[in-house]
Amino acid sequence: MRQLPSGQGASRDTYRSIGAILGLSAGVLTMSALGFGGLVAGAIFAASGCVAGAIVGEQLHAKRRRDS
């Protein structure tokens, strides 16, 4: 397991991974809220949520690094 150097925050990959996990859950919740079901709809909503969450995670990381 890779350790972060002291004094630095979480890496961009960490933000991307956390964003993807949160996006996955948001995609599945959105799917069920809209009344969709099934394997194909689940794959589409989950994949879309993962990609969107990863993008948001990277943007948040860049914003936090810029503000520091």
PDB file of N, CA and C in Angstrom:
ATOM      1  N   MET A   1       0.840  -1.179   0.000  1.00  0.00           N
ATOM      2  CA  MET A   1       0.000   0.000   0.000  1.00  0.00           C
ATOM      3  C   MET A   1       0.885   1.243   0.000  1.00  0.00           C
ATOM      4  N   ARG A   2       0.564   2.164  -0.858  1.00  0.00           N
ATOM      5  CA  ARG A   2       1.348   3.383  -0.980  1.00  0.00           C
ATOM      6  C   ARG A   2       0.953   4.382   0.100  1.00  0.00           C
ATOM      7  N   GLN A   3       1.930   4.963   0.750  1.00  0.00           N
ATOM      8  CA  GLN A   3       1.651   5.960   1.776  1.00  0.00           C
ATOM      9  C   GLN A   3       1.927   7.345   1.222  1.00  0.00           C
ATOM     10  N   LEU A   4       1.144   8.294   1.692  1.00  0.00           N
ATOM     11  CA  LEU A   4       1.316   9.670   1.251  1.00  0.00           C
ATOM     12  C   LEU A   4       2.447  10.324   2.020  1.00  0.00           C
ATOM     13  N   PRO A   5       3.223  11.182   1.358  1.00  0.00           N
ATOM     14  CA  PRO A   5       4.242  11.928   2.083  1.00  0.00           C
ATOM     15  C   PRO A   5       3.582  12.842   3.112  1.00  0.00           C
ATOM     16  N   SER A   6       4.272  13.067   4.200  1.00  0.00           N
ATOM     17  CA  SER A   6       3.688  13.902   5.254  1.00  0.00           C
ATOM     18  C   SER A   6       3.471  15.321   4.741  1.00  0.00           C
ATOM     19  N   GLY A   7       2.387  15.915   5.179  1.00  0.00           N
ATOM     20  CA  GLY A   7       2.080  17.281   4.794  1.00  0.00           C
ATOM     21  C   GLY A   7       1.262  17.407   3.528  1.00  0.00           C
ATOM     22  N   GLN A   8       1.001  16.310   2.832  1.00  0.00           N
ATOM     23  CA  GLN A   8       0.200  16.376   1.621  1.00  0.00           C
ATOM     24  C   GLN A   8      -1.158  15.746   1.864  1.00  0.00           C
ATOM     25  N   GLY A   9      -2.145  16.241   1.160  1.00  0.00           N
ATOM     26  CA  GLY A   9      -3.485  15.688   1.271  1.00  0.00           C
ATOM     27  C   GLY A   9      -3.647  14.446   0.415  1.00  0.00           C
ATOM     28  N   ALA A  10      -4.874  14.073   0.213  1.00  0.00           N
ATOM     29  CA  ALA A  10      -5.182  12.886  -0.585  1.00  0.00           C
ATOM     30  C   ALA A  10      -4.828  13.132  -2.050  1.00  0.00           C
ATOM     31  N   SER A  11      -4.459  12.068  -2.745  1.00  0.00           N
ATOM     32  CA  SER A  11      -4.051  12.186  -4.137  1.00  0.00           C
ATOM     33  C   SER A  11      -5.269  12.323  -5.059  1.00  0.00           C
ATOM     34  N   ARG A  12      -4.984  12.654  -6.291  1.00  0.00           N
ATOM     35  CA  ARG A  12      -6.041  12.787  -7.292  1.00  0.00           C
ATOM     36  C   ARG A  12      -6.746  11.457  -7.510  1.00  0.00           C
ATOM     37  N   ASP A  13      -5.996  10.364  -7.473  1.00  0.00           N
ATOM     38  CA  ASP A  13      -6.590   9.040  -7.642  1.00  0.00           C
ATOM     39  C   ASP A  13      -7.559   8.711  -6.512  1.00  0.00           C
ATOM     40  N   THR A  14      -7.250   9.148  -5.309  1.00  0.00           N
ATOM     41  CA  THR A  14      -8.143   8.916  -4.170  1.00  0.00           C
ATOM     42  C   THR A  14      -9.450   9.679  -4.356  1.00  0.00           C
ATOM     43  N   TYR A  15      -9.347  10.924  -4.763  1.00  0.00           N
ATOM     44  CA  TYR A  15     -10.551  11.715  -5.025  1.00  0.00           C
ATOM     45  C   TYR A  15     -11.376  11.082  -6.139  1.00  0.00           C
ATOM     46  N   ARG A  16     -10.697  10.604  -7.188  1.00  0.00           N
ATOM     47  CA  ARG A  16     -11.396   9.982  -8.304  1.00  0.00           C
ATOM     48  C   ARG A  16     -12.103   8.706  -7.864  1.00  0.00           C
ATOM     49  N   SER A  17     -11.443   7.901  -7.047  1.00  0.00           N
ATOM     50  CA  SER A  17     -12.050   6.645  -6.580  1.00  0.00           C
ATOM     51  C   SER A  17     -13.259   6.897  -5.685  1.00  0.00           C
ATOM     52  N   ILE A  18     -13.121   7.830  -4.761  1.00  0.00           N
ATOM     53  CA  ILE A  18     -14.243   8.149  -3.873  1.00  0.00           C
ATOM     54  C   ILE A  18     -15.403   8.727  -4.675  1.00  0.00           C
ATOM     55  N   GLY A  19     -15.093   9.591  -5.638  1.00  0.00           N
ATOM     56  CA  GLY A  19     -16.140  10.143  -6.499  1.00  0.00           C
ATOM     57  C   GLY A  19     -16.851   9.080  -7.302  1.00  0.00           C
ATOM     58  N   ALA A  20     -16.095   8.095  -7.800  1.00  0.00           N
ATOM     59  CA  ALA A  20     -16.704   7.019  -8.579  1.00  0.00           C
ATOM     60  C   ALA A  20     -17.629   6.165  -7.718  1.00  0.00           C
ATOM     61  N   ILE A  21     -17.221   5.886  -6.489  1.00  0.00           N
ATOM     62  CA  ILE A  21     -18.072   5.095  -5.589  1.00  0.00           C
ATOM     63  C   ILE A  21     -19.347   5.859  -5.241  1.00  0.00           C
ATOM     64  N   LEU A  22     -19.205   7.142  -4.941  1.00  0.00           N
ATOM     65  CA  LEU A  22     -20.395   7.943  -4.646  1.00  0.00           C
ATOM     66  C   LEU A  22     -21.278   8.091  -5.886  1.00  0.00           C
ATOM     67  N   GLY A  23     -20.671   8.234  -7.061  1.00  0.00           N
ATOM     68  CA  GLY A  23     -21.435   8.319  -8.309  1.00  0.00           C
ATOM     69  C   GLY A  23     -22.175   7.028  -8.618  1.00  0.00           C
ATOM     70  N   LEU A  24     -21.556   5.898  -8.306  1.00  0.00           N
ATOM     71  CA  LEU A  24     -22.209   4.606  -8.495  1.00  0.00           C
ATOM     72  C   LEU A  24     -23.483   4.524  -7.674  1.00  0.00           C
ATOM     73  N   SER A  25     -23.378   4.894  -6.399  1.00  0.00           N
ATOM     74  CA  SER A  25     -24.571   4.836  -5.548  1.00  0.00           C
ATOM     75  C   SER A  25     -25.612   5.861  -5.986  1.00  0.00           C
ATOM     76  N   ALA A  26     -25.170   7.029  -6.417  1.00  0.00           N
ATOM     77  CA  ALA A  26     -26.120   8.039  -6.903  1.00  0.00           C
ATOM     78  C   ALA A  26     -26.821   7.568  -8.172  1.00  0.00           C
ATOM     79  N   GLY A  27     -26.091   6.892  -9.057  1.00  0.00           N
ATOM     80  CA  GLY A  27     -26.697   6.369 -10.277  1.00  0.00           C
ATOM     81  C   GLY A  27     -27.734   5.309  -9.997  1.00  0.00           C
ATOM     82  N   VAL A  28     -27.434   4.405  -9.070  1.00  0.00           N
ATOM     83  CA  VAL A  28     -28.387   3.349  -8.724  1.00  0.00           C
ATOM     84  C   VAL A  28     -29.610   3.937  -8.022  1.00  0.00           C
ATOM     85  N   LEU A  29     -29.399   4.914  -7.141  1.00  0.00           N
ATOM     86  CA  LEU A  29     -30.533   5.556  -6.478  1.00  0.00           C
ATOM     87  C   LEU A  29     -31.399   6.319  -7.471  1.00  0.00           C
ATOM     88  N   THR A  30     -30.770   6.982  -8.430  1.00  0.00           N
ATOM     89  CA  THR A  30     -31.527   7.696  -9.460  1.00  0.00           C
ATOM     90  C   THR A  30     -32.340   6.715 -10.302  1.00  0.00           C
ATOM     91  N   MET A  31     -31.737   5.594 -10.635  1.00  0.00           N
ATOM     92  CA  MET A  31     -32.433   4.577 -11.419  1.00  0.00           C
ATOM     93  C   MET A  31     -33.686   4.094 -10.693  1.00  0.00           C
ATOM     94  N   SER A  32     -33.534   3.773  -9.427  1.00  0.00           N
ATOM     95  CA  SER A  32     -34.696   3.278  -8.682  1.00  0.00           C
ATOM     96  C   SER A  32     -35.725   4.376  -8.451  1.00  0.00           C
ATOM     97  N   ALA A  33     -35.278   5.615  -8.286  1.00  0.00           N
ATOM     98  CA  ALA A  33     -36.220   6.722  -8.085  1.00  0.00           C
ATOM     99  C   ALA A  33     -37.041   6.985  -9.341  1.00  0.00           C
ATOM    100  N   LEU A  34     -36.441   6.760 -10.509  1.00  0.00           N
ATOM    101  CA  LEU A  34     -37.156   6.963 -11.761  1.00  0.00           C
ATOM    102  C   LEU A  34     -37.993   5.757 -12.163  1.00  0.00           C
ATOM    103  N   GLY A  35     -37.884   4.675 -11.409  1.00  0.00           N
ATOM    104  CA  GLY A  35     -38.706   3.506 -11.667  1.00  0.00           C
ATOM    105  C   GLY A  35     -38.144   2.526 -12.675  1.00  0.00           C
ATOM    106  N   PHE A  36     -36.878   2.682 -13.036  1.00  0.00           N
ATOM    107  CA  PHE A  36     -36.259   1.749 -13.967  1.00  0.00           C
ATOM    108  C   PHE A  36     -35.782   0.528 -13.200  1.00  0.00           C
ATOM    109  N   GLY A  37     -35.674  -0.581 -13.895  1.00  0.00           N
ATOM    110  CA  GLY A  37     -35.160  -1.797 -13.300  1.00  0.00           C
ATOM    111  C   GLY A  37     -34.546  -2.666 -14.366  1.00  0.00           C
ATOM    112  N   GLY A  38     -33.796  -3.637 -13.949  1.00  0.00           N
ATOM    113  CA  GLY A  38     -33.194  -4.569 -14.883  1.00  0.00           C
ATOM    114  C   GLY A  38     -31.699  -4.378 -15.010  1.00  0.00           C
ATOM    115  N   LEU A  39     -31.111  -5.329 -15.685  1.00  0.00           N
ATOM    116  CA  LEU A  39     -29.663  -5.376 -15.808  1.00  0.00           C
ATOM    117  C   LEU A  39     -29.121  -4.278 -16.716  1.00  0.00           C
ATOM    118  N   VAL A  40     -29.758  -4.057 -17.843  1.00  0.00           N
ATOM    119  CA  VAL A  40     -29.256  -3.056 -18.797  1.00  0.00           C
ATOM    120  C   VAL A  40     -29.382  -1.653 -18.215  1.00  0.00           C
ATOM    121  N   ALA A  41     -30.532  -1.347 -17.650  1.00  0.00           N
ATOM    122  CA  ALA A  41     -30.700  -0.025 -17.035  1.00  0.00           C
ATOM    123  C   ALA A  41     -29.721   0.160 -15.877  1.00  0.00           C
ATOM    124  N   GLY A  42     -29.513  -0.883 -15.079  1.00  0.00           N
ATOM    125  CA  GLY A  42     -28.567  -0.799 -13.974  1.00  0.00           C
ATOM    126  C   GLY A  42     -27.158  -0.538 -14.459  1.00  0.00           C
ATOM    127  N   ALA A  43     -26.766  -1.199 -15.530  1.00  0.00           N
ATOM    128  CA  ALA A  43     -25.422  -0.995 -16.074  1.00  0.00           C
ATOM    129  C   ALA A  43     -25.247   0.421 -16.610  1.00  0.00           C
ATOM    130  N   ILE A  44     -26.265   0.923 -17.292  1.00  0.00           N
ATOM    131  CA  ILE A  44     -26.175   2.273 -17.859  1.00  0.00           C
ATOM    132  C   ILE A  44     -26.111   3.320 -16.762  1.00  0.00           C
ATOM    133  N   PHE A  45     -27.006   3.238 -15.782  1.00  0.00           N
ATOM    134  CA  PHE A  45     -27.024   4.219 -14.700  1.00  0.00           C
ATOM    135  C   PHE A  45     -25.772   4.114 -13.834  1.00  0.00           C
ATOM    136  N   ALA A  46     -25.318   2.892 -13.544  1.00  0.00           N
ATOM    137  CA  ALA A  46     -24.134   2.721 -12.706  1.00  0.00           C
ATOM    138  C   ALA A  46     -22.881   3.240 -13.406  1.00  0.00           C
ATOM    139  N   ALA A  47     -22.728   2.915 -14.674  1.00  0.00           N
ATOM    140  CA  ALA A  47     -21.551   3.380 -15.416  1.00  0.00           C
ATOM    141  C   ALA A  47     -21.553   4.899 -15.557  1.00  0.00           C
ATOM    142  N   SER A  48     -22.714   5.459 -15.853  1.00  0.00           N
ATOM    143  CA  SER A  48     -22.811   6.919 -15.972  1.00  0.00           C
ATOM    144  C   SER A  48     -22.495   7.597 -14.650  1.00  0.00           C
ATOM    145  N   GLY A  49     -23.004   7.036 -13.566  1.00  0.00           N
ATOM    146  CA  GLY A  49     -22.727   7.594 -12.245  1.00  0.00           C
ATOM    147  C   GLY A  49     -21.262   7.513 -11.879  1.00  0.00           C
ATOM    148  N   CYS A  50     -20.611   6.394 -12.221  1.00  0.00           N
ATOM    149  CA  CYS A  50     -19.179   6.247 -11.929  1.00  0.00           C
ATOM    150  C   CYS A  50     -18.349   7.277 -12.683  1.00  0.00           C
ATOM    151  N   VAL A  51     -18.634   7.455 -13.957  1.00  0.00           N
ATOM    152  CA  VAL A  51     -17.874   8.410 -14.760  1.00  0.00           C
ATOM    153  C   VAL A  51     -18.097   9.831 -14.250  1.00  0.00           C
ATOM    154  N   ALA A  52     -19.352  10.186 -14.014  1.00  0.00           N
ATOM    155  CA  ALA A  52     -19.648  11.539 -13.532  1.00  0.00           C
ATOM    156  C   ALA A  52     -19.017  11.780 -12.166  1.00  0.00           C
ATOM    157  N   GLY A  53     -19.093  10.793 -11.283  1.00  0.00           N
ATOM    158  CA  GLY A  53     -18.497  10.945  -9.955  1.00  0.00           C
ATOM    159  C   GLY A  53     -16.990  11.082 -10.005  1.00  0.00           C
ATOM    160  N   ALA A  54     -16.340  10.333 -10.890  1.00  0.00           N
ATOM    161  CA  ALA A  54     -14.887  10.433 -11.032  1.00  0.00           C
ATOM    162  C   ALA A  54     -14.476  11.804 -11.555  1.00  0.00           C
ATOM    163  N   ILE A  55     -15.242  12.330 -12.497  1.00  0.00           N
ATOM    164  CA  ILE A  55     -14.943  13.660 -13.036  1.00  0.00           C
ATOM    165  C   ILE A  55     -15.102  14.717 -11.955  1.00  0.00           C
ATOM    166  N   VAL A  56     -16.174  14.628 -11.189  1.00  0.00           N
ATOM    167  CA  VAL A  56     -16.397  15.590 -10.115  1.00  0.00           C
ATOM    168  C   VAL A  56     -15.291  15.476  -9.063  1.00  0.00           C
ATOM    169  N   GLY A  57     -14.875  14.255  -8.761  1.00  0.00           N
ATOM    170  CA  GLY A  57     -13.790  14.060  -7.796  1.00  0.00           C
ATOM    171  C   GLY A  57     -12.492  14.702  -8.256  1.00  0.00           C
ATOM    172  N   GLU A  58     -12.157  14.543  -9.526  1.00  0.00           N
ATOM    173  CA  GLU A  58     -10.947  15.169 -10.051  1.00  0.00           C
ATOM    174  C   GLU A  58     -11.044  16.692 -10.036  1.00  0.00           C
ATOM    175  N   GLN A  59     -12.202  17.221 -10.372  1.00  0.00           N
ATOM    176  CA  GLN A  59     -12.376  18.671 -10.348  1.00  0.00           C
ATOM    177  C   GLN A  59     -12.285  19.215  -8.937  1.00  0.00           C
ATOM    178  N   LEU A  60     -12.842  18.489  -7.980  1.00  0.00           N
ATOM    179  CA  LEU A  60     -12.756  18.912  -6.580  1.00  0.00           C
ATOM    180  C   LEU A  60     -11.304  18.888  -6.111  1.00  0.00           C
ATOM    181  N   HIS A  61     -10.552  17.877  -6.505  1.00  0.00           N
ATOM    182  CA  HIS A  61      -9.140  17.809  -6.139  1.00  0.00           C
ATOM    183  C   HIS A  61      -8.378  19.000  -6.717  1.00  0.00           C
ATOM    184  N   ALA A  62      -8.626  19.307  -7.996  1.00  0.00           N
ATOM    185  CA  ALA A  62      -7.941  20.433  -8.626  1.00  0.00           C
ATOM    186  C   ALA A  62      -8.309  21.751  -7.954  1.00  0.00           C
ATOM    187  N   LYS A  63      -9.558  21.906  -7.593  1.00  0.00           N
ATOM    188  CA  LYS A  63     -10.001  23.147  -6.927  1.00  0.00           C
ATOM    189  C   LYS A  63      -9.360  23.286  -5.567  1.00  0.00           C
ATOM    190  N   ARG A  64      -9.283  22.196  -4.816  1.00  0.00           N
ATOM    191  CA  ARG A  64      -8.673  22.251  -3.483  1.00  0.00           C
ATOM    192  C   ARG A  64      -7.181  22.522  -3.575  1.00  0.00           C
ATOM    193  N   ARG A  65      -6.512  21.972  -4.593  1.00  0.00           N
ATOM    194  CA  ARG A  65      -5.070  22.217  -4.756  1.00  0.00           C
ATOM    195  C   ARG A  65      -4.819  23.676  -5.157  1.00  0.00           C
ATOM    196  N   ARG A  66      -5.710  24.235  -5.968  1.00  0.00           N
ATOM    197  CA  ARG A  66      -5.566  25.619  -6.412  1.00  0.00           C
ATOM    198  C   ARG A  66      -5.763  26.583  -5.263  1.00  0.00           C
ATOM    199  N   ASP A  67      -6.733  26.281  -4.377  1.00  0.00           N
ATOM    200  CA  ASP A  67      -7.046  27.168  -3.267  1.00  0.00           C
ATOM    201  C   ASP A  67      -6.003  27.116  -2.155  1.00  0.00           C
ATOM    202  N   SER A  68      -5.182  26.080  -2.144  1.00  0.00           N
ATOM    203  CA  SER A  68      -4.180  25.945  -1.074  1.00  0.00           C
ATOM    204  C   SER A  68      -3.007  26.859  -1.276  1.00  0.00           C
TER     205      SER A  68
END
